[in-house]
Protein backbone atom coordinates (compact mmCIF):
# COMPACT_ATOMS: atom_id res chain seq x y z
CA MET A 1 -4.28 2.15 -2.49
CA LYS A 2 -6.18 2.56 -5.67
CA ILE A 3 -5.76 5.67 -7.78
CA ARG A 4 -9.40 5.88 -8.74
CA ILE A 5 -12.65 5.30 -6.90
CA PHE A 6 -14.28 2.00 -5.92
CA LYS A 7 -11.18 0.80 -4.16
CA ILE A 8 -12.61 -2.20 -2.50
CA ALA A 9 -13.19 -4.73 -5.25
CA CYS A 10 -10.91 -7.53 -6.40
CA LEU A 11 -9.54 -7.66 -2.85
CA LEU A 12 -7.05 -10.45 -2.53
CA SER A 13 -8.16 -11.70 0.70
CA ILE A 14 -6.59 -12.96 3.38
CA ILE A 15 -9.02 -15.80 3.97
CA LEU A 16 -11.34 -16.12 0.97
CA ILE A 17 -10.59 -16.82 -2.65
CA THR A 18 -11.47 -14.06 -5.08
CA GLY A 19 -12.81 -14.71 -8.54
CA CYS A 20 -9.95 -13.15 -10.48
CA SER A 21 -7.28 -15.65 -9.53
CA LYS A 22 -6.73 -19.05 -8.07
CA GLU A 23 -5.37 -19.78 -4.62
CA ASN A 24 -2.25 -21.77 -3.95
CA SER A 25 -3.75 -25.15 -3.16
CA ASN A 26 -0.89 -26.48 -1.05
CA ASN A 27 -0.37 -23.26 0.90
CA GLU A 28 3.34 -23.26 0.11
CA ILE A 29 5.46 -20.16 -0.30
CA ASN A 30 7.25 -20.26 -3.64
CA ASN A 31 10.52 -18.70 -4.75
CA GLU A 32 11.70 -17.56 -1.34
CA PRO A 33 14.92 -15.56 -1.79
CA GLU A 34 18.17 -16.32 -0.03
CA VAL A 35 17.94 -13.48 2.45
CA GLU A 36 21.66 -13.08 3.08
CA ASN A 37 22.63 -12.65 -0.56
CA ASN A 38 19.72 -11.18 -2.47
CA LEU A 39 18.85 -7.91 -0.72
CA ILE A 40 18.59 -5.27 -3.45
CA PHE A 41 16.93 -2.39 -1.58
CA SER A 42 16.36 -1.59 2.08
CA ASP A 43 15.76 1.16 4.57
CA GLU A 44 16.05 0.39 8.27
CA PHE A 45 15.14 3.98 9.22
CA ASP A 46 18.03 4.25 11.63
CA SER A 47 19.05 7.76 10.59
CA SER A 48 18.16 10.82 12.59
CA ASN A 49 14.92 12.67 11.90
CA THR A 50 14.83 13.17 8.13
CA ILE A 51 13.97 10.72 5.38
CA ASP A 52 16.78 9.53 3.10
CA THR A 53 16.13 11.48 -0.09
CA SER A 54 18.42 9.18 -2.06
CA LYS A 55 15.82 6.44 -1.50
CA TRP A 56 12.49 8.24 -1.15
CA LYS A 57 10.60 11.26 -2.40
CA HIS A 58 7.44 12.90 -1.10
CA GLU A 59 4.49 13.16 -3.44
CA VAL A 60 2.60 16.34 -2.54
CA VAL A 61 0.91 17.66 -5.69
CA PRO A 62 -2.74 16.53 -5.82
CA PRO A 63 -3.60 15.21 -9.30
CA ASN A 64 -7.36 15.77 -9.28
CA ASN A 65 -8.09 19.51 -9.39
CA GLY A 66 -6.53 20.22 -6.02
CA SER A 67 -7.55 16.91 -4.46
CA TRP A 68 -6.52 13.27 -4.45
CA TRP A 69 -8.58 10.46 -5.92
CA ASN A 70 -11.16 8.40 -4.03
CA GLY A 71 -12.62 11.42 -2.24
CA GLU A 72 -9.65 11.67 0.12
CA LYS A 73 -9.79 14.68 2.42
CA GLN A 74 -6.09 15.35 3.14
CA HIS A 75 -3.20 17.23 1.67
CA TYR A 76 0.10 15.35 1.62
CA THR A 77 3.11 17.37 2.74
CA SER A 78 6.87 16.97 2.96
CA ARG A 79 6.98 18.60 6.42
CA THR A 80 8.46 16.81 9.40
CA ASP A 81 5.08 17.43 11.03
CA ASN A 82 3.78 14.62 8.82
CA SER A 83 6.79 12.34 8.29
CA TYR A 84 10.01 11.87 10.22
CA ILE A 85 12.33 9.23 11.63
CA SER A 86 12.89 8.63 15.33
CA ASN A 87 13.90 5.70 17.53
CA GLY A 88 14.53 3.50 14.52
CA THR A 89 11.17 3.85 12.77
CA LEU A 90 9.62 6.02 10.09
CA LYS A 91 6.54 7.86 11.32
CA ILE A 92 3.82 8.94 8.91
CA VAL A 93 1.50 11.24 10.82
CA ALA A 94 -2.07 11.97 9.76
CA LYS A 95 -3.47 14.95 11.63
CA LYS A 96 -6.41 17.28 11.75
CA GLU A 97 -5.41 20.80 10.77
CA THR A 98 -6.33 23.39 8.18
CA TYR A 99 -3.74 23.42 5.42
CA SER A 100 -3.68 25.12 2.02
CA PHE A 101 -1.66 24.11 -1.02
CA GLN A 102 -1.96 25.46 -4.56
CA ASN A 103 -5.20 27.33 -3.75
CA SER A 104 -6.80 24.21 -2.28
CA THR A 105 -7.60 24.02 1.45
CA LYS A 106 -8.07 20.77 3.35
CA ASN A 107 -8.78 19.99 6.98
CA TYR A 108 -6.27 17.14 7.29
CA THR A 109 -2.63 16.54 6.44
CA SER A 110 -0.50 13.44 6.06
CA ALA A 111 2.43 12.10 4.00
CA ARG A 112 2.81 9.95 0.91
CA ILE A 113 6.34 8.66 0.26
CA ASN A 114 7.42 6.96 -2.98
CA SER A 115 10.58 4.94 -3.44
CA LYS A 116 13.03 6.12 -6.07
CA PHE A 117 13.96 2.46 -6.44
CA SER A 118 11.90 0.28 -8.78
CA PHE A 119 12.19 -3.38 -9.68
CA THR A 120 10.61 -6.31 -11.50
CA TYR A 121 10.07 -9.52 -9.51
CA GLY A 122 11.18 -10.00 -5.94
CA ARG A 123 10.08 -10.27 -2.35
CA VAL A 124 9.01 -7.20 -0.39
CA ASP A 125 8.89 -7.17 3.42
CA VAL A 126 7.56 -4.15 5.31
CA ARG A 127 7.36 -4.31 9.10
CA ALA A 128 4.73 -1.84 10.23
CA LYS A 129 2.40 -0.80 13.02
CA LEU A 130 -0.76 0.78 11.67
CA PRO A 131 -2.66 3.90 12.76
CA SER A 132 -6.10 3.79 14.30
CA GLY A 133 -9.12 6.05 14.14
CA ILE A 134 -12.26 6.20 12.02
CA GLY A 135 -11.34 7.82 8.74
CA THR A 136 -7.70 6.69 8.55
CA TRP A 137 -6.63 4.78 5.43
CA PRO A 138 -3.03 3.52 5.61
CA ALA A 139 -1.53 1.61 2.71
CA ILE A 140 1.68 -0.13 1.70
CA TRP A 141 1.49 -0.57 -2.06
CA MET A 142 3.12 -0.44 -5.48
CA LEU A 143 2.50 1.11 -8.88
CA GLY A 144 4.02 0.46 -12.28
CA SER A 145 6.82 2.90 -13.06
CA ASN A 146 5.28 3.38 -16.51
CA ILE A 147 2.18 5.05 -15.05
CA THR A 148 3.06 8.40 -16.62
CA SER A 149 3.08 6.86 -20.10
CA VAL A 150 0.31 4.22 -19.97
CA GLY A 151 -1.84 5.55 -17.12
CA TRP A 152 -3.74 3.70 -14.44
CA PRO A 153 -4.80 0.86 -14.27
CA ALA A 154 -2.74 -0.24 -17.30
CA CYS A 155 0.44 0.25 -15.25
CA GLY A 156 -0.76 -2.33 -12.71
CA GLU A 157 -1.13 -1.86 -8.98
CA ILE A 158 -0.21 -4.20 -6.13
CA ASP A 159 -1.63 -3.39 -2.69
CA ILE A 160 0.51 -5.19 -0.15
CA MET A 161 -1.57 -3.92 2.80
CA GLU A 162 -4.59 -1.70 3.24
CA HIS A 163 -6.58 -0.86 6.33
CA TRP A 164 -9.62 1.33 6.90
CA GLY A 165 -10.08 2.79 10.36
CA HIS A 166 -13.85 2.35 10.26
CA GLN A 167 -13.26 -1.41 10.00
CA PRO A 168 -10.91 -1.99 12.93
CA ALA A 169 -8.67 -5.05 12.82
CA ILE A 170 -9.55 -5.94 9.20
CA ILE A 171 -6.56 -6.07 6.84
CA THR A 172 -6.85 -6.46 3.09
CA SER A 173 -4.65 -6.74 0.01
CA ALA A 174 -5.47 -6.28 -3.66
CA THR A 175 -4.36 -6.10 -7.26
CA HIS A 176 -5.73 -3.58 -9.76
CA ASN A 177 -5.35 -3.82 -13.51
CA PRO A 178 -7.46 -3.28 -16.64
CA ALA A 179 -9.25 -6.60 -16.12
CA CYS A 180 -10.29 -5.85 -12.54
CA HIS A 181 -10.08 -2.51 -10.78
CA GLY A 182 -13.38 -2.04 -8.99
CA GLY A 183 -16.89 -3.37 -9.29
CA CYS A 184 -15.74 -6.55 -11.03
CA PRO A 185 -18.43 -9.18 -11.68
CA ASN A 186 -17.93 -12.61 -10.16
CA VAL A 187 -15.24 -11.41 -7.81
CA GLY A 188 -15.46 -12.30 -4.14
CA VAL A 189 -14.14 -10.13 -1.33
CA GLY A 190 -12.02 -11.49 1.48
CA LYS A 191 -10.27 -10.21 4.56
CA THR A 192 -8.39 -11.20 7.68
CA THR A 193 -8.55 -9.99 11.26
CA ILE A 194 -5.51 -8.76 13.18
CA SER A 195 -6.64 -7.46 16.54
CA ASP A 196 -3.35 -5.79 17.49
CA TYR A 197 -2.80 -4.04 14.16
CA ASP A 198 -2.27 -0.68 15.92
CA THR A 199 -0.33 -1.84 18.98
CA ALA A 200 2.11 -4.39 17.51
CA PHE A 201 4.33 -4.60 14.46
CA HIS A 202 3.53 -7.09 11.70
CA VAL A 203 5.45 -7.94 8.53
CA TYR A 204 3.41 -7.39 5.36
CA SER A 205 4.95 -9.08 2.33
CA ILE A 206 4.59 -10.11 -1.27
CA ILE A 207 6.55 -12.57 -3.39
CA TRP A 208 6.21 -11.59 -7.05
CA ASN A 209 7.55 -13.60 -9.96
CA GLU A 210 6.70 -14.01 -13.63
CA ASN A 211 3.81 -16.36 -12.81
CA GLU A 212 2.12 -15.14 -9.64
CA ILE A 213 1.98 -12.75 -6.71
CA GLN A 214 1.80 -14.24 -3.23
CA PHE A 215 0.57 -12.18 -0.27
CA LEU A 216 1.83 -12.90 3.23
CA ILE A 217 1.47 -11.56 6.76
CA ASP A 218 4.16 -12.49 9.27
CA ASP A 219 5.46 -15.01 6.70
CA ASP A 220 2.09 -16.78 6.59
CA LEU A 221 0.82 -17.18 3.03
CA LYS A 222 -2.66 -15.69 2.72
CA TYR A 223 -3.40 -15.60 -0.98
CA THR A 224 -1.94 -16.13 -4.43
CA TYR A 225 -2.94 -14.03 -7.43
CA ASN A 226 -2.34 -16.21 -10.47
CA PRO A 227 -4.67 -15.83 -13.50
CA GLU A 228 -4.77 -19.12 -15.37
CA VAL A 229 -4.61 -17.36 -18.73
CA LYS A 230 -2.46 -14.25 -18.55
CA ASN A 231 -2.74 -11.26 -20.86
CA ALA A 232 -1.98 -7.54 -20.78
CA ASP A 233 -5.28 -6.82 -19.03
CA ASN A 234 -4.99 -9.18 -16.07
CA TRP A 235 -1.20 -9.43 -15.90
CA PRO A 236 0.56 -6.09 -16.48
CA TYR A 237 3.03 -7.18 -13.79
CA THR A 238 6.00 -7.70 -16.11
CA LYS A 239 7.64 -4.30 -15.67
CA ASN A 240 9.20 -2.25 -12.89
CA GLN A 241 7.12 -1.10 -9.95
CA PHE A 242 7.93 1.35 -7.14
CA LEU A 243 6.83 1.37 -3.50
CA ILE A 244 4.44 3.80 -1.81
CA LEU A 245 3.86 4.35 1.92
CA ASN A 246 0.99 6.64 2.90
CA VAL A 247 -1.91 7.36 5.23
CA ALA A 248 -4.94 8.92 3.56
CA MET A 249 -7.85 10.48 5.40
CA GLY A 250 -11.43 9.80 4.40
CA GLY A 251 -12.94 8.52 1.18
CA GLU A 252 -16.07 8.60 -0.91
CA TRP A 253 -17.61 5.62 0.91
CA PHE A 254 -16.62 6.43 4.52
CA THR A 255 -16.34 9.45 6.80
CA ILE A 256 -13.87 10.72 9.38
CA ASP A 257 -14.58 10.77 13.11
CA PRO A 258 -15.20 14.45 13.95
CA ASN A 259 -13.15 13.95 17.11
CA PHE A 260 -10.12 12.63 15.22
CA GLU A 261 -6.94 14.59 15.96
CA GLU A 262 -3.87 12.55 15.01
CA SER A 263 -2.67 9.01 14.33
CA ILE A 264 0.63 7.49 13.22
CA MET A 265 1.77 4.65 10.99
CA GLU A 266 5.20 3.38 12.02
CA ILE A 267 7.49 1.56 9.60
CA ASP A 268 10.37 -0.39 11.15
CA TYR A 269 11.94 -1.44 7.85
CA VAL A 270 11.40 -1.89 4.13
CA ARG A 271 13.37 -4.68 2.44
CA VAL A 272 13.31 -5.91 -1.16
CA TYR A 273 14.98 -9.14 -2.24
CA LYS A 274 15.74 -10.41 -5.73
CA ILE A 275 14.31 -13.83 -6.55
């Protein structure tokens, strides 16, 4: 989920090759961790009701004059109305309601949850069932922990999964960095179709090492981001990143169904392995 506008470019597709990297030609998954021994962070969301604050923190302060970037229409809250744990899954609830925060009033609320854990290189698996509804924008993504010192996009961004409710069943992934973070020339756009995105759980993953980032769905390799010549602009992915789980509402290039009331993203688990 990009911090600035024009979020759609440089999408690492799920079928097509983009112009800012090369695809793994033999479709092999590289550097798979030994699952039993290399787990370095996890949350199975088996606790009762509240989120584990030793692992996660809510981000609720809008950074753009009372709003979030990209023309989003929601406020994020730390209320259990918008995020809670039940029956073994984390629920992030986007809903239609009037809500004011720091003298800014919005017509939608949701939650944005950041991991306190950060890491460099590893495999991330997130098993999730996505929300539905025109205007929803769920994302499972990562940002460089140095964002407060170097800013975006210099910190680097890795979008493990994004979905827009006005494009049902289409799932995308992306990287954003100084070399490519929207409107990039000679960059193709790709996507994959998952028809049961909102009724079944799928595992959205990356494998990230010093050479490349591989994107997977249900352990099926979809794309590899691997610039042939790496530099600080196209490969800022040498430092710690943290995880973000959120559902935004609306954006500058799409609207929200006026009849929308509520929709939920469910997360069964988040697991990070050292490689």
